[in-house]
Amino acid sequence: QVQLVESGGGLVQPGASLRLSCVASRMILLTNTMGWYRQAPGNERELVATITRGGSTNYANSVKGRFTISRDNAKNTVNLQMRNLEPEDTAVYYCYAQEWRTWGQGTQVTVSS
């Protein structure tokens, strides 16, 4: 069974940082472009960032310069480092394996003072 397991969400104040991690099987990481998406209440799920097998990255304009996606093949993880968080970043964040079209269960990020 394909599994993506996210962790690292929480409640933080504006300007704070969080690091999300997605643990996946080695086969998934070797064969997929991996991505982070998010969905806020009442909104559609939207792309946050992607990273290809070769390490090329792509970011939504709203997070460029604040978020960094990376992959650690030795630890079978895809990470999302989030800095200078804003209330607008509040959402459930999902890990996604593109070629296998597989989603994780999501982790809640809440940015509030």
C-alpha atoms as a PDB file:
ATOM      1  CA  GLN A   1       0.000   0.000   0.000  1.00  0.00           C
ATOM      2  CA  VAL A   2       1.356   3.349  -1.023  1.00  0.00           C
ATOM      3  CA  GLN A   3       1.784   5.692   1.900  1.00  0.00           C
ATOM      4  CA  LEU A   4       2.843   9.255   2.354  1.00  0.00           C
ATOM      5  CA  VAL A   5       2.960  10.413   5.947  1.00  0.00           C
ATOM      6  CA  GLU A   6       3.245  14.094   6.759  1.00  0.00           C
ATOM      7  CA  SER A   7       4.316  15.652  10.022  1.00  0.00           C
ATOM      8  CA  GLY A   8       5.483  18.956  11.438  1.00  0.00           C
ATOM      9  CA  GLY A   9       2.364  21.076  11.367  1.00  0.00           C
ATOM     10  CA  GLY A  10       1.221  23.195  14.263  1.00  0.00           C
ATOM     11  CA  LEU A  11       0.092  26.559  15.564  1.00  0.00           C
ATOM     12  CA  VAL A  12       2.599  29.394  15.217  1.00  0.00           C
ATOM     13  CA  GLN A  13       2.621  33.175  15.294  1.00  0.00           C
ATOM     14  CA  PRO A  14       3.147  35.321  12.202  1.00  0.00           C
ATOM     15  CA  GLY A  15       6.803  35.519  11.274  1.00  0.00           C
ATOM     16  CA  ALA A  16       7.625  32.116  12.714  1.00  0.00           C
ATOM     17  CA  SER A  17       9.063  29.099  10.913  1.00  0.00           C
ATOM     18  CA  LEU A  18       7.942  25.502  10.548  1.00  0.00           C
ATOM     19  CA  ARG A  19       9.410  22.479   8.839  1.00  0.00           C
ATOM     20  CA  LEU A  20       7.078  19.899   7.333  1.00  0.00           C
ATOM     21  CA  SER A  21       8.272  16.415   6.511  1.00  0.00           C
ATOM     22  CA  CYS A  22       6.777  13.728   4.308  1.00  0.00           C
ATOM     23  CA  VAL A  23       8.022  10.185   4.743  1.00  0.00           C
ATOM     24  CA  ALA A  24       7.622   7.982   1.689  1.00  0.00           C
ATOM     25  CA  SER A  25       8.901   4.676   0.462  1.00  0.00           C
ATOM     26  CA  ARG A  26      12.178   4.701  -1.409  1.00  0.00           C
ATOM     27  CA  MET A  27      10.417   3.518  -4.554  1.00  0.00           C
ATOM     28  CA  ILE A  28       8.103   6.522  -4.463  1.00  0.00           C
ATOM     29  CA  LEU A  29      10.949   8.978  -4.098  1.00  0.00           C
ATOM     30  CA  LEU A  30      12.942   7.381  -6.891  1.00  0.00           C
ATOM     31  CA  THR A  31      10.086   7.430  -9.388  1.00  0.00           C
ATOM     32  CA  ASN A  32       8.072  10.561  -8.615  1.00  0.00           C
ATOM     33  CA  THR A  33       8.134  14.281  -8.755  1.00  0.00           C
ATOM     34  CA  MET A  34       7.095  15.173  -5.218  1.00  0.00           C
ATOM     35  CA  GLY A  35       5.023  18.127  -4.193  1.00  0.00           C
ATOM     36  CA  TRP A  36       3.446  19.996  -1.349  1.00  0.00           C
ATOM     37  CA  TYR A  37      -0.061  21.358  -1.772  1.00  0.00           C
ATOM     38  CA  ARG A  38      -2.344  23.140   0.651  1.00  0.00           C
ATOM     39  CA  GLN A  39      -6.025  23.684   1.149  1.00  0.00           C
ATOM     40  CA  ALA A  40      -7.550  26.417   3.257  1.00  0.00           C
ATOM     41  CA  PRO A  41     -11.208  26.270   4.389  1.00  0.00           C
ATOM     42  CA  GLY A  42     -13.504  27.165   1.520  1.00  0.00           C
ATOM     43  CA  ASN A  43     -10.671  27.139  -1.007  1.00  0.00           C
ATOM     44  CA  GLU A  44      -9.490  24.674  -3.600  1.00  0.00           C
ATOM     45  CA  ARG A  45      -6.322  22.712  -3.055  1.00  0.00           C
ATOM     46  CA  GLU A  46      -3.380  24.640  -4.497  1.00  0.00           C
ATOM     47  CA  LEU A  47       0.205  23.970  -5.399  1.00  0.00           C
ATOM     48  CA  VAL A  48       2.835  25.159  -2.934  1.00  0.00           C
ATOM     49  CA  ALA A  49       6.030  23.633  -4.301  1.00  0.00           C
ATOM     50  CA  THR A  50       7.346  20.690  -6.293  1.00  0.00           C
ATOM     51  CA  ILE A  51      10.701  18.981  -6.638  1.00  0.00           C
ATOM     52  CA  THR A  52      11.640  16.625  -9.455  1.00  0.00           C
ATOM     53  CA  ARG A  53      13.710  13.468  -9.190  1.00  0.00           C
ATOM     54  CA  GLY A  54      16.631  15.521 -10.421  1.00  0.00           C
ATOM     55  CA  GLY A  55      16.116  18.190  -7.781  1.00  0.00           C
ATOM     56  CA  SER A  56      14.561  20.957  -9.878  1.00  0.00           C
ATOM     57  CA  THR A  57      12.115  23.007  -7.854  1.00  0.00           C
ATOM     58  CA  ASN A  58       9.039  25.072  -8.562  1.00  0.00           C
ATOM     59  CA  TYR A  59       7.144  27.377  -6.186  1.00  0.00           C
ATOM     60  CA  ALA A  60       3.877  29.205  -6.036  1.00  0.00           C
ATOM     61  CA  ASN A  61       4.422  32.952  -6.292  1.00  0.00           C
ATOM     62  CA  SER A  62       2.902  33.430  -2.850  1.00  0.00           C
ATOM     63  CA  VAL A  63       5.651  31.414  -1.149  1.00  0.00           C
ATOM     64  CA  LYS A  64       8.721  32.216  -3.261  1.00  0.00           C
ATOM     65  CA  GLY A  65      11.573  33.386  -1.094  1.00  0.00           C
ATOM     66  CA  ARG A  66       9.924  32.081   2.090  1.00  0.00           C
ATOM     67  CA  PHE A  67       9.493  28.339   1.513  1.00  0.00           C
ATOM     68  CA  THR A  68      12.086  25.775   0.461  1.00  0.00           C
ATOM     69  CA  ILE A  69      11.322  22.259  -0.721  1.00  0.00           C
ATOM     70  CA  SER A  70      13.983  19.577  -0.518  1.00  0.00           C
ATOM     71  CA  ARG A  71      14.310  15.832  -0.698  1.00  0.00           C
ATOM     72  CA  ASP A  72      16.515  13.567   1.388  1.00  0.00           C
ATOM     73  CA  ASN A  73      16.756  10.242  -0.388  1.00  0.00           C
ATOM     74  CA  ALA A  74      18.814   8.730   2.438  1.00  0.00           C
ATOM     75  CA  LYS A  75      15.969   9.390   4.875  1.00  0.00           C
ATOM     76  CA  ASN A  76      13.157   8.844   2.353  1.00  0.00           C
ATOM     77  CA  THR A  77      11.706  12.252   3.071  1.00  0.00           C
ATOM     78  CA  VAL A  78      10.541  15.343   1.276  1.00  0.00           C
ATOM     79  CA  ASN A  79      10.701  18.462   3.399  1.00  0.00           C
ATOM     80  CA  LEU A  80       9.124  21.889   3.244  1.00  0.00           C
ATOM     81  CA  GLN A  81      10.927  24.565   5.221  1.00  0.00           C
ATOM     82  CA  MET A  82       8.572  27.474   5.800  1.00  0.00           C
ATOM     83  CA  ARG A  83       9.856  30.830   7.034  1.00  0.00           C
ATOM     84  CA  ASN A  84       8.221  34.153   7.785  1.00  0.00           C
ATOM     85  CA  LEU A  85       4.818  32.529   7.952  1.00  0.00           C
ATOM     86  CA  GLU A  86       1.745  34.648   7.368  1.00  0.00           C
ATOM     87  CA  PRO A  87      -1.876  34.117   8.438  1.00  0.00           C
ATOM     88  CA  GLU A  88      -2.648  33.480   4.763  1.00  0.00           C
ATOM     89  CA  ASP A  89      -0.479  30.357   4.957  1.00  0.00           C
ATOM     90  CA  THR A  90      -3.005  28.731   7.271  1.00  0.00           C
ATOM     91  CA  ALA A  91      -4.179  25.521   5.619  1.00  0.00           C
ATOM     92  CA  VAL A  92      -3.941  21.761   5.633  1.00  0.00           C
ATOM     93  CA  TYR A  93      -0.708  20.844   3.849  1.00  0.00           C
ATOM     94  CA  TYR A  94      -0.564  17.689   1.768  1.00  0.00           C
ATOM     95  CA  CYS A  95       2.326  15.723   0.361  1.00  0.00           C
ATOM     96  CA  TYR A  96       1.815  14.449  -3.214  1.00  0.00           C
ATOM     97  CA  ALA A  97       3.542  11.893  -5.409  1.00  0.00           C
ATOM     98  CA  GLN A  98       2.840  13.141  -8.925  1.00  0.00           C
ATOM     99  CA  GLU A  99       3.357  10.107 -11.162  1.00  0.00           C
ATOM    100  CA  TRP A 100       1.558   7.787  -8.746  1.00  0.00           C
ATOM    101  CA  ARG A 101      -1.163  10.380  -8.058  1.00  0.00           C
ATOM    102  CA  THR A 102      -0.995   9.655  -4.373  1.00  0.00           C
ATOM    103  CA  TRP A 103      -1.777  12.008  -1.493  1.00  0.00           C
ATOM    104  CA  GLY A 104      -0.824  11.976   2.142  1.00  0.00           C
ATOM    105  CA  GLN A 105      -3.373  12.520   4.892  1.00  0.00           C
ATOM    106  CA  GLY A 106      -2.392  16.140   5.479  1.00  0.00           C
ATOM    107  CA  THR A 107      -1.026  18.165   8.366  1.00  0.00           C
ATOM    108  CA  GLN A 108      -2.595  21.337   9.732  1.00  0.00           C
ATOM    109  CA  VAL A 109      -0.641  24.582   9.765  1.00  0.00           C
ATOM    110  CA  THR A 110      -2.209  27.516  11.583  1.00  0.00           C
ATOM    111  CA  VAL A 111      -0.603  30.939  11.660  1.00  0.00           C
ATOM    112  CA  SER A 112      -2.253  33.242  14.160  1.00  0.00           C
ATOM    113  CA  SER A 113      -1.379  35.776  16.798  1.00  0.00           C
END
